[in-house]
Amino acid sequence: MYYTDFKENFNSLIAKEKNMNSIKVVVLTGGPCSGKSTVLRALQDEFGEQLVVVREVATVLLEGGFPLPGKDLDWSEDWQSALQSAIVPLQVSFEQSHTLIAKHRQVKLLVCDRGLLDGAAYTPGGTAEFCKRYGIIETEAYSRYKTVIHLESLAHSNPELYGKAGNEARFESVERAQELEQATRTAWQKHPHRIIIEGKRGVEEKIAETIGIVRDLLA
C-alpha cells in the first residue's frame, strides 16, 4: 500500500485502534541506503520529546565490536546467521526498555529503526524460516507494531546514486542492496498498516510524508 492510498483510510484506522495500546509503536524500515537515518533525525527535530527512537540494533552491534565483513572476516551465511542470532533477542530487549522510557516520559509514540521481522530479509527461506528458527509467531510479530513505514532504497529507485555515505557499517553492493530491498518488502507485506514511500520522490519528500504520518499518529 502506498502512502497516497493509505492516507484516505488512516484516520478511521487510528480511531478503531486508539484504545488498544497507550503507546503506539512504529517501524521505519527499507533496504540499504533508503534514508532512514536522515528521516529519523528529521522526526526528532520536528517532534522532539513527543516520541522515543529505538536505534537500529544491527548498527549498534556492528559499531560496537561485532566482527565486520571486509574488515575482520569475509561475509558468509554463517556470519549472517551469527549476527541475526544476536539481533533477535536484543531487538526485543531494546523495544521493551524503550517502552519503559516512553512510559516514564509519558510519551505515546515509539519509533523503531527496523523491527523484528526485518531479520527475515536476511534469512535464507524468508519469513517462514526466520520465524521457525527463532521461535517467532508471525502474526504476533506483526501485532507488535501499529504502523510500518517502508522507505524505498536508492539501490532500487536510483541505483546510480547508491552509496555508502552516512552509515559506515554499510557494506552491501548495489546488487545485494536491491535484493534486500525486495526481501524487506516481502517480510512486511502482510502487515495491515504498511506504507511504502517511493525513493524517486527524494529525501525531502520522504521526510515530509513521514512527518505527516507521525503527526497523524500523535493526534
Foldseek 3Di string as FASTA:
>chain_A
DALVVQVVCVLVLCVVCVPVDQAAEEEEAFFPALCPVVLVVLLCVVPPLLEAEQEQQLLCCLVVDQDADPPRHHDDLVSLVVSLVVRQVVLVVSVVVVVVVCVVSVHRYYYYHHHNLLSQLSDVVGPVVSCVVVVHDLVVRLVVHDAYEYRYHCLPVPVVPDDDPPRPRDDDDSVVRVSSRVSSCVSCVPRPHYHYDYCVVDNVVVSVSVSVSVVSNSD
